[in-house]
N, C-alpha and C. Protein backbone atom coordinates (compact mmCIF):
# COMPACT_ATOMS: atom_id res chain seq x y z
N UNK A 1 191.32 100.92 40.49
CA UNK A 1 192.01 100.63 39.15
C UNK A 1 192.86 99.36 39.41
N UNK A 2 193.40 99.39 40.71
CA UNK A 2 194.50 98.08 40.84
C UNK A 2 193.59 96.91 41.19
N UNK A 3 192.31 97.13 41.77
CA UNK A 3 191.47 95.79 41.96
C UNK A 3 191.00 95.23 40.68
N UNK A 4 190.77 96.27 39.80
CA UNK A 4 190.16 95.73 38.46
C UNK A 4 191.32 94.84 37.69
N UNK A 5 192.61 95.40 37.82
CA UNK A 5 193.55 94.76 37.22
C UNK A 5 193.92 93.27 37.86
N UNK A 6 193.98 93.34 39.04
CA UNK A 6 194.21 91.88 39.84
C UNK A 6 193.17 91.10 39.59
N UNK A 7 191.82 91.58 39.55
CA UNK A 7 190.57 90.69 39.33
C UNK A 7 190.84 90.14 37.80
N UNK A 8 191.34 91.00 36.78
CA UNK A 8 191.32 90.58 35.50
C UNK A 8 192.42 89.68 35.35
N UNK A 9 193.76 89.76 36.00
CA UNK A 9 194.68 88.91 36.04
C UNK A 9 194.38 87.56 36.67
N UNK A 10 193.39 87.53 37.74
CA UNK A 10 193.12 86.30 38.35
C UNK A 10 192.22 85.54 37.36
N UNK A 11 191.44 86.17 36.62
CA UNK A 11 190.36 85.43 35.74
C UNK A 11 191.22 84.86 34.67
N UNK A 12 192.09 85.73 33.97
CA UNK A 12 192.94 85.20 32.91
C UNK A 12 193.80 83.83 33.33
N UNK A 13 194.29 84.00 34.57
CA UNK A 13 195.05 82.91 35.05
C UNK A 13 194.08 81.78 35.23
N UNK A 14 192.86 81.89 35.75
CA UNK A 14 192.09 80.74 35.88
C UNK A 14 191.63 80.13 34.57
N UNK A 15 191.27 81.03 33.46
CA UNK A 15 191.01 80.57 32.23
C UNK A 15 192.26 79.66 31.78
N UNK A 16 193.50 80.18 31.93
CA UNK A 16 194.69 79.58 31.38
C UNK A 16 194.64 78.18 32.11
N UNK A 17 194.70 78.11 33.25
CA UNK A 17 194.75 76.78 33.96
C UNK A 17 193.69 75.84 33.63
N UNK A 18 192.44 76.38 33.52
CA UNK A 18 191.32 75.64 33.06
C UNK A 18 191.40 74.95 31.75
N UNK A 19 191.94 75.87 30.87
CA UNK A 19 192.18 75.41 29.39
C UNK A 19 193.25 74.35 29.28
N UNK A 20 194.31 74.60 30.00
CA UNK A 20 195.45 73.63 30.19
C UNK A 20 195.16 72.17 30.69
N UNK A 21 193.89 72.11 31.61
CA UNK A 21 193.79 70.95 32.24
C UNK A 21 192.64 70.38 31.21
N UNK A 22 191.93 71.02 30.49
CA UNK A 22 191.16 70.50 29.55
C UNK A 22 191.93 69.96 28.41
N UNK A 23 193.00 70.60 27.98
CA UNK A 23 193.68 70.26 26.93
C UNK A 23 194.62 68.94 27.32
N UNK A 24 194.97 68.84 28.37
CA UNK A 24 195.62 67.58 28.95
C UNK A 24 194.75 66.55 28.88
N UNK A 25 193.49 66.75 29.49
CA UNK A 25 192.66 65.57 29.64
C UNK A 25 192.26 65.13 28.15
N UNK A 26 192.02 65.92 27.28
CA UNK A 26 191.55 65.60 25.85
C UNK A 26 192.71 64.76 25.41
N UNK A 27 193.97 64.98 25.52
CA UNK A 27 195.07 64.42 24.91
C UNK A 27 195.38 63.01 25.60
N UNK A 28 194.91 62.84 26.80
CA UNK A 28 195.20 61.63 27.42
C UNK A 28 194.07 60.59 27.41
N UNK A 29 193.01 60.86 26.77
CA UNK A 29 191.91 59.93 26.57
C UNK A 29 191.12 59.71 27.91
N UNK A 30 190.84 60.75 28.79
CA UNK A 30 190.05 60.73 29.91
C UNK A 30 188.71 60.90 29.71
N UNK A 31 188.32 61.24 28.23
CA UNK A 31 186.66 61.54 27.97
C UNK A 31 186.55 60.79 26.76
N UNK A 32 185.38 60.49 26.42
CA UNK A 32 185.05 59.92 25.16
C UNK A 32 185.55 60.73 23.80
N UNK A 33 185.20 61.87 24.03
CA UNK A 33 185.58 62.91 23.11
C UNK A 33 187.14 62.65 22.75
N UNK A 34 188.03 62.79 23.83
CA UNK A 34 189.41 62.75 23.76
C UNK A 34 189.83 61.54 23.15
N UNK A 35 189.08 60.36 23.47
CA UNK A 35 189.55 59.00 22.86
C UNK A 35 189.31 59.08 21.41
N UNK A 36 188.09 59.53 20.86
CA UNK A 36 187.70 59.86 19.59
C UNK A 36 188.93 60.68 18.79
N UNK A 37 189.32 61.61 19.54
CA UNK A 37 190.42 62.61 18.80
C UNK A 37 191.69 61.71 18.64
N UNK A 38 191.95 60.80 19.56
CA UNK A 38 193.20 59.98 19.50
C UNK A 38 193.17 59.02 18.30
N UNK A 39 192.05 58.45 18.27
CA UNK A 39 191.92 57.38 17.45
C UNK A 39 191.61 57.98 15.90
N UNK A 40 191.42 59.23 15.83
CA UNK A 40 190.98 59.77 14.48
C UNK A 40 192.46 60.48 13.83
N UNK A 41 192.46 60.61 12.57
CA UNK A 41 193.56 61.14 11.82
C UNK A 41 193.09 62.33 11.25
N UNK A 42 193.75 63.22 10.63
CA UNK A 42 193.51 64.53 10.09
C UNK A 42 192.28 64.45 8.93
N UNK A 43 192.28 63.41 8.16
CA UNK A 43 191.24 63.18 7.19
C UNK A 43 190.38 62.11 7.48
N UNK A 44 190.44 61.46 8.65
CA UNK A 44 189.52 60.39 9.00
C UNK A 44 189.03 60.53 10.36
N UNK A 45 187.73 60.54 10.41
CA UNK A 45 187.06 60.77 11.86
C UNK A 45 186.57 59.19 12.39
N UNK A 46 187.03 59.07 13.66
CA UNK A 46 186.61 57.70 14.24
C UNK A 46 185.43 58.16 15.32
N UNK A 47 184.35 57.41 15.29
CA UNK A 47 183.28 57.52 16.07
C UNK A 47 183.15 56.24 17.05
N UNK A 48 183.18 56.58 18.25
CA UNK A 48 182.96 55.57 19.50
C UNK A 48 181.55 55.20 19.72
N UNK A 49 181.23 53.98 19.43
CA UNK A 49 179.79 53.65 19.67
C UNK A 49 179.48 53.11 20.95
N UNK A 50 180.20 52.40 21.65
CA UNK A 50 179.93 51.95 23.05
C UNK A 50 181.27 51.77 23.68
N UNK A 51 181.33 51.49 25.05
CA UNK A 51 182.63 51.30 25.60
C UNK A 51 182.28 50.20 26.75
N UNK A 52 183.35 49.31 26.90
CA UNK A 52 183.38 48.41 27.80
C UNK A 52 184.26 48.65 28.99
N UNK A 53 184.02 48.99 30.09
CA UNK A 53 184.96 49.30 31.28
C UNK A 53 185.24 48.01 32.08
N UNK A 54 186.71 47.64 32.02
CA UNK A 54 186.97 46.46 32.96
C UNK A 54 188.24 47.00 33.74
N UNK A 55 187.85 47.02 35.01
CA UNK A 55 189.06 47.62 35.86
C UNK A 55 189.70 48.68 35.32
N UNK A 56 191.05 48.80 34.99
CA UNK A 56 191.79 50.02 34.69
C UNK A 56 191.76 50.16 33.04
N UNK A 57 190.88 49.55 32.31
CA UNK A 57 191.01 49.55 30.81
C UNK A 57 189.65 49.94 30.26
N UNK A 58 189.73 50.46 29.09
CA UNK A 58 188.28 50.81 28.50
C UNK A 58 188.41 50.34 27.03
N UNK A 59 187.58 49.43 26.78
CA UNK A 59 187.46 48.93 25.43
C UNK A 59 186.35 49.82 24.47
N UNK A 60 186.73 50.43 23.54
CA UNK A 60 186.15 51.17 22.64
C UNK A 60 185.51 50.63 21.54
N UNK A 61 184.24 50.44 21.29
CA UNK A 61 183.78 49.75 19.92
C UNK A 61 183.64 51.17 19.06
N UNK A 62 184.13 50.95 17.81
CA UNK A 62 184.30 52.14 16.97
C UNK A 62 184.01 51.85 15.61
N UNK A 63 183.76 52.94 15.01
CA UNK A 63 183.59 52.87 13.47
C UNK A 63 184.59 53.94 12.83
N UNK A 64 185.52 53.28 12.19
CA UNK A 64 186.58 54.23 11.44
C UNK A 64 185.87 54.44 10.19
N UNK A 65 185.64 55.77 9.76
CA UNK A 65 184.98 56.23 8.46
C UNK A 65 185.71 55.77 7.29
N UNK A 66 186.86 55.49 7.11
CA UNK A 66 187.45 54.99 5.98
C UNK A 66 187.78 53.61 5.92
N UNK A 67 188.20 53.22 7.16
CA UNK A 67 188.66 51.69 7.23
C UNK A 67 187.52 50.61 7.67
N UNK A 68 186.55 50.91 8.57
CA UNK A 68 185.81 50.06 8.87
C UNK A 68 185.41 49.95 10.48
N UNK A 69 185.01 48.86 10.99
CA UNK A 69 184.69 48.70 12.33
C UNK A 69 185.88 48.11 13.12
N UNK A 70 185.76 48.41 14.52
CA UNK A 70 186.87 47.80 15.41
C UNK A 70 186.64 47.99 16.62
N UNK A 71 187.74 47.94 17.22
CA UNK A 71 187.79 48.35 18.76
C UNK A 71 189.26 48.96 19.09
N UNK A 72 189.38 49.53 20.37
CA UNK A 72 190.58 50.20 20.71
C UNK A 72 190.75 49.87 22.32
N UNK A 73 191.73 49.69 22.70
CA UNK A 73 191.93 49.43 24.23
C UNK A 73 192.61 50.62 24.80
N UNK A 74 192.17 51.28 25.70
CA UNK A 74 192.88 52.26 26.50
C UNK A 74 193.11 51.86 27.96
N UNK A 75 194.30 52.03 28.48
CA UNK A 75 194.77 51.55 29.68
C UNK A 75 195.05 52.91 30.59
N UNK A 76 194.56 52.73 31.75
CA UNK A 76 194.90 53.74 32.85
C UNK A 76 196.41 53.68 33.24
N UNK A 77 197.11 54.76 33.19
CA UNK A 77 198.60 54.85 33.55
C UNK A 77 198.59 55.28 34.98
N UNK A 78 199.81 55.44 35.44
CA UNK A 78 200.04 55.74 37.07
C UNK A 78 199.47 57.10 37.35
N UNK A 79 199.26 57.89 36.35
CA UNK A 79 198.86 59.28 36.49
C UNK A 79 197.18 59.39 36.56
N UNK A 80 196.76 58.43 36.36
CA UNK A 80 195.08 58.32 36.13
C UNK A 80 194.61 58.57 34.67
N UNK A 81 195.53 58.77 33.71
CA UNK A 81 195.21 59.09 32.46
C UNK A 81 194.83 57.83 31.57
N UNK A 82 194.03 57.75 30.70
CA UNK A 82 193.88 56.83 29.67
C UNK A 82 194.65 56.86 28.45
N UNK A 83 195.52 55.84 28.40
CA UNK A 83 196.38 55.90 27.02
C UNK A 83 196.16 54.89 26.13
N UNK A 84 196.23 55.04 24.80
CA UNK A 84 195.88 54.03 23.75
C UNK A 84 197.02 52.93 23.88
N UNK A 85 196.52 51.63 24.05
CA UNK A 85 197.17 50.43 24.07
C UNK A 85 197.35 49.72 22.91
N UNK A 86 196.06 49.51 22.24
CA UNK A 86 196.02 48.88 21.05
C UNK A 86 194.74 49.04 20.31
N UNK A 87 194.83 48.85 19.09
CA UNK A 87 193.76 49.27 18.11
C UNK A 87 193.60 48.30 17.13
N UNK A 88 192.23 47.93 16.75
CA UNK A 88 192.12 47.03 15.59
C UNK A 88 191.02 47.35 14.77
N UNK A 89 191.18 47.70 13.56
CA UNK A 89 190.09 48.04 12.76
C UNK A 89 190.10 46.97 11.55
N UNK A 90 188.81 46.50 11.16
CA UNK A 90 188.63 45.64 10.08
C UNK A 90 187.90 46.35 8.90
N UNK A 91 188.22 46.06 7.50
CA UNK A 91 187.54 46.42 6.50
C UNK A 91 186.54 45.41 6.09
N UNK A 92 185.77 45.91 5.16
CA UNK A 92 184.64 44.90 4.60
C UNK A 92 185.30 43.73 3.79
N UNK A 93 186.61 43.98 3.32
CA UNK A 93 187.28 42.88 2.74
C UNK A 93 187.84 41.70 3.63
N UNK A 94 188.18 42.15 4.84
CA UNK A 94 188.75 41.35 5.96
C UNK A 94 187.60 40.08 6.31
N UNK A 95 188.04 39.13 6.84
CA UNK A 95 186.95 37.98 7.57
C UNK A 95 186.15 38.90 8.55
N UNK A 96 184.76 38.63 8.33
CA UNK A 96 183.79 39.35 9.21
C UNK A 96 183.92 39.02 10.67
N UNK A 97 184.33 37.87 11.00
CA UNK A 97 184.53 37.56 12.48
C UNK A 97 185.80 37.43 12.83
N UNK A 98 186.06 38.35 13.82
CA UNK A 98 187.57 38.35 14.59
C UNK A 98 187.51 37.95 16.24
N UNK A 99 188.33 37.13 16.39
CA UNK A 99 188.60 36.68 17.80
C UNK A 99 190.06 37.01 17.97
N UNK A 100 190.13 37.65 19.12
CA UNK A 100 191.59 38.44 19.39
C UNK A 100 191.83 38.23 20.90
N UNK A 101 192.85 38.63 21.26
CA UNK A 101 193.27 38.51 22.91
C UNK A 101 193.71 39.68 23.56
N UNK A 102 193.17 40.03 24.49
CA UNK A 102 193.73 41.31 25.25
C UNK A 102 194.05 40.77 26.49
N UNK A 103 195.17 41.50 27.16
CA UNK A 103 195.55 41.41 28.50
C UNK A 103 195.00 42.57 29.26
N UNK A 104 194.23 42.35 30.30
CA UNK A 104 193.89 43.50 31.23
C UNK A 104 194.32 43.03 32.62
N UNK A 105 195.42 43.93 33.40
CA UNK A 105 195.70 43.78 34.51
C UNK A 105 196.07 42.18 34.81
N UNK A 106 196.88 41.73 33.88
CA UNK A 106 197.50 40.32 34.02
C UNK A 106 196.49 39.28 33.70
N UNK A 107 195.23 39.54 33.22
CA UNK A 107 194.22 38.63 33.02
C UNK A 107 193.97 38.66 31.50
N UNK A 108 193.71 37.54 30.93
CA UNK A 108 193.55 37.22 29.67
C UNK A 108 191.99 37.31 29.31
N UNK A 109 191.68 38.00 28.21
CA UNK A 109 190.40 38.25 27.66
C UNK A 109 190.33 37.80 26.17
N UNK A 110 189.27 37.39 25.76
CA UNK A 110 189.05 37.14 24.42
C UNK A 110 188.12 38.17 23.86
N UNK A 111 188.41 38.80 22.94
CA UNK A 111 187.61 39.80 22.24
C UNK A 111 186.92 39.10 21.04
N UNK A 112 185.58 39.24 21.04
CA UNK A 112 184.70 38.61 19.93
C UNK A 112 184.21 39.99 19.23
N UNK A 113 184.27 39.78 17.85
CA UNK A 113 183.88 40.98 17.21
C UNK A 113 183.56 40.54 15.70
N UNK A 114 182.06 41.05 15.50
CA UNK A 114 181.50 40.60 14.25
C UNK A 114 180.54 41.85 13.87
N UNK A 115 180.70 42.45 12.63
CA UNK A 115 180.12 43.56 12.31
C UNK A 115 178.82 43.23 11.60
N UNK A 116 178.02 42.83 12.37
CA UNK A 116 176.53 42.52 11.89
C UNK A 116 175.53 43.05 12.80
N UNK A 117 174.40 43.54 12.13
CA UNK A 117 173.26 44.23 12.94
C UNK A 117 172.57 43.23 13.71
N UNK A 118 171.83 43.82 14.73
CA UNK A 118 170.88 42.84 15.46
C UNK A 118 171.61 41.82 16.16
N UNK A 119 172.66 41.63 16.61
CA UNK A 119 173.31 40.45 17.35
C UNK A 119 172.59 40.37 18.70
N UNK A 120 172.08 39.01 18.90
CA UNK A 120 171.75 38.91 20.29
C UNK A 120 172.73 38.45 21.12
N UNK A 121 173.40 37.12 20.61
CA UNK A 121 174.35 36.47 21.48
C UNK A 121 175.21 35.67 20.82
N UNK A 122 176.42 35.34 21.37
CA UNK A 122 177.50 34.59 20.67
C UNK A 122 177.57 33.42 21.67
N UNK A 123 177.79 32.18 21.04
CA UNK A 123 178.05 30.92 21.85
C UNK A 123 179.49 30.64 21.68
N UNK A 124 180.27 30.44 22.65
CA UNK A 124 181.71 30.38 22.79
C UNK A 124 181.96 28.90 23.37
N UNK A 125 182.74 28.07 22.53
CA UNK A 125 183.02 26.61 23.16
C UNK A 125 184.60 26.64 23.21
N UNK A 126 185.25 26.43 24.34
CA UNK A 126 186.49 26.36 24.66
C UNK A 126 186.93 24.88 24.50
N UNK A 127 188.05 24.48 23.75
CA UNK A 127 188.67 23.12 23.99
C UNK A 127 190.01 23.20 24.29
N UNK A 128 190.28 22.61 25.61
CA UNK A 128 191.81 22.45 25.94
C UNK A 128 192.60 21.64 25.13
N UNK A 129 193.64 22.03 24.47
CA UNK A 129 194.43 21.59 23.49
C UNK A 129 195.00 20.43 23.91
N UNK A 130 195.53 20.50 25.33
CA UNK A 130 196.28 19.33 26.04
C UNK A 130 195.62 18.25 26.15
N UNK A 131 194.31 18.25 26.64
CA UNK A 131 193.32 17.04 26.88
C UNK A 131 192.43 16.81 25.83
N UNK A 132 192.09 17.87 24.95
CA UNK A 132 191.31 17.81 23.87
C UNK A 132 189.58 17.75 24.58
N UNK A 133 189.65 18.07 25.76
CA UNK A 133 188.30 18.36 26.50
C UNK A 133 187.51 19.46 25.87
N UNK A 134 186.42 19.36 25.56
CA UNK A 134 185.47 20.44 25.07
C UNK A 134 184.60 20.93 26.44
N UNK A 135 184.63 22.24 26.62
CA UNK A 135 183.82 22.75 27.70
C UNK A 135 182.38 22.85 27.12
N UNK A 136 181.60 23.09 28.11
CA UNK A 136 180.03 23.51 27.84
C UNK A 136 180.11 24.90 27.19
N UNK A 137 178.97 25.09 26.13
CA UNK A 137 179.15 26.34 25.55
C UNK A 137 178.86 27.53 26.60
N UNK A 138 179.42 28.69 26.23
CA UNK A 138 179.22 29.87 27.07
C UNK A 138 178.40 30.83 26.21
N UNK A 139 177.36 31.42 26.85
CA UNK A 139 176.50 32.34 26.02
C UNK A 139 176.96 33.62 26.35
N UNK A 140 177.35 34.60 25.37
CA UNK A 140 177.68 35.88 25.71
C UNK A 140 176.81 36.78 24.87
N UNK A 141 175.98 37.55 25.88
CA UNK A 141 175.10 38.34 25.36
C UNK A 141 175.68 39.61 24.55
N UNK A 142 175.25 39.83 23.36
CA UNK A 142 175.82 40.89 22.51
C UNK A 142 175.00 42.18 22.53
N UNK A 143 173.63 42.05 22.73
CA UNK A 143 172.79 43.35 22.81
C UNK A 143 172.96 44.18 21.71
N UNK A 144 173.01 43.87 20.54
CA UNK A 144 173.28 44.68 19.29
C UNK A 144 174.73 45.24 19.18
N UNK A 145 175.66 44.76 19.97
CA UNK A 145 176.93 45.35 19.91
C UNK A 145 177.78 44.42 18.84
N UNK A 146 178.69 45.01 18.30
CA UNK A 146 179.69 44.28 17.51
C UNK A 146 180.80 43.71 18.05
N UNK A 147 181.09 44.41 19.45
CA UNK A 147 182.30 43.82 20.06
C UNK A 147 181.94 43.42 21.46
N UNK A 148 182.50 42.27 21.93
CA UNK A 148 182.30 41.74 23.29
C UNK A 148 183.45 41.20 23.93
N UNK A 149 183.79 41.07 25.20
CA UNK A 149 184.76 40.48 25.84
C UNK A 149 184.27 39.44 26.76
N UNK A 150 185.16 38.29 26.78
CA UNK A 150 184.97 37.11 27.63
C UNK A 150 186.30 36.78 28.22
N UNK A 151 186.20 36.50 29.57
CA UNK A 151 187.64 35.94 30.17
C UNK A 151 187.79 34.81 29.68
N UNK A 152 189.26 34.52 29.49
CA UNK A 152 189.66 33.39 28.66
C UNK A 152 189.96 32.34 29.83
N UNK A 153 190.00 31.05 29.37
CA UNK A 153 190.15 29.97 30.26
C UNK A 153 191.61 29.91 30.62
N UNK A 154 192.02 29.26 31.75
CA UNK A 154 193.43 29.39 32.24
C UNK A 154 194.22 28.11 31.59
N UNK A 155 193.96 27.74 30.42
CA UNK A 155 194.71 26.77 29.81
C UNK A 155 195.96 27.20 29.42
N UNK A 156 197.08 26.38 29.21
CA UNK A 156 198.23 26.66 28.44
C UNK A 156 197.90 26.93 27.03
N UNK A 157 197.03 26.16 26.47
CA UNK A 157 196.71 26.29 25.12
C UNK A 157 195.32 25.85 24.99
N UNK A 158 194.68 26.60 24.10
CA UNK A 158 193.07 26.28 23.87
C UNK A 158 192.68 26.71 22.51
N UNK A 159 191.73 26.16 22.03
CA UNK A 159 191.04 26.59 20.66
C UNK A 159 189.75 26.95 21.00
N UNK A 160 189.26 27.86 20.42
CA UNK A 160 187.87 28.64 20.69
C UNK A 160 187.16 28.54 19.43
N UNK A 161 185.75 28.13 19.39
CA UNK A 161 184.91 28.20 18.46
C UNK A 161 183.89 29.13 18.81
N UNK A 162 183.51 30.05 17.85
CA UNK A 162 182.20 30.89 18.16
C UNK A 162 181.32 30.99 17.13
N UNK A 163 179.90 30.93 17.59
CA UNK A 163 178.95 31.12 16.77
C UNK A 163 178.16 32.36 17.10
N UNK A 164 177.69 33.19 16.20
CA UNK A 164 177.01 34.37 16.49
C UNK A 164 175.53 34.11 16.23
N UNK A 165 174.48 34.58 16.90
CA UNK A 165 173.24 34.54 16.54
C UNK A 165 172.51 35.94 16.55
N UNK A 166 171.75 36.22 15.68
CA UNK A 166 171.01 37.46 15.71
C UNK A 166 169.55 37.26 16.35
N UNK A 167 168.82 38.18 16.45
CA UNK A 167 167.31 38.14 17.06
C UNK A 167 166.54 37.18 16.32
N UNK A 168 166.82 36.75 15.07
CA UNK A 168 165.77 35.68 14.42
C UNK A 168 166.49 34.36 14.64
N UNK A 169 167.52 34.18 15.21
CA UNK A 169 167.97 33.01 15.48
C UNK A 169 168.87 32.43 14.29
N UNK A 170 169.30 33.27 13.34
CA UNK A 170 170.22 32.95 12.25
C UNK A 170 171.60 32.98 12.87
N UNK A 171 172.29 31.89 12.43
CA UNK A 171 173.81 31.53 12.93
C UNK A 171 174.78 31.94 11.85
N UNK A 172 175.95 32.64 12.45
CA UNK A 172 177.04 33.23 11.75
C UNK A 172 178.21 32.61 12.42
N UNK A 173 178.94 32.10 11.38
CA UNK A 173 180.25 31.19 11.76
C UNK A 173 181.51 31.91 11.17
């Protein structure tokens, strides 16, 4: 009888510890499901479509069922858990093309976002605002994604122009 009670106690303790670890991982964004829960609200569900992993950050391309499309940046903390750092959601009334800046491990990246189906690539042209020198276009493969990242130039100030192309060659500016 004592062995059965001890075994039952060990099993219950194991279930409690496993459940606690699962719950902590869900709250800290260590899985796609946990990140979706963090991004969702009680009456609004967010679906993560794709994720881009760069060093200690995860950029989640998402659809917010009430607001629209967007992205979220999760950053790994000192405990190895992913915590929400920033979130941007665009509605249908907003400008369809978004260019934003993210800092990942002290490096600057430009976020390219355009909610259009069948995107093939984006063409990015940087201009150094100090010298007015335009650089050669950079092709960023979109692969049907609506969100992509490109490492920003190391200018003190720059202007960026972006043109998106779909698989038919149609331009979107």
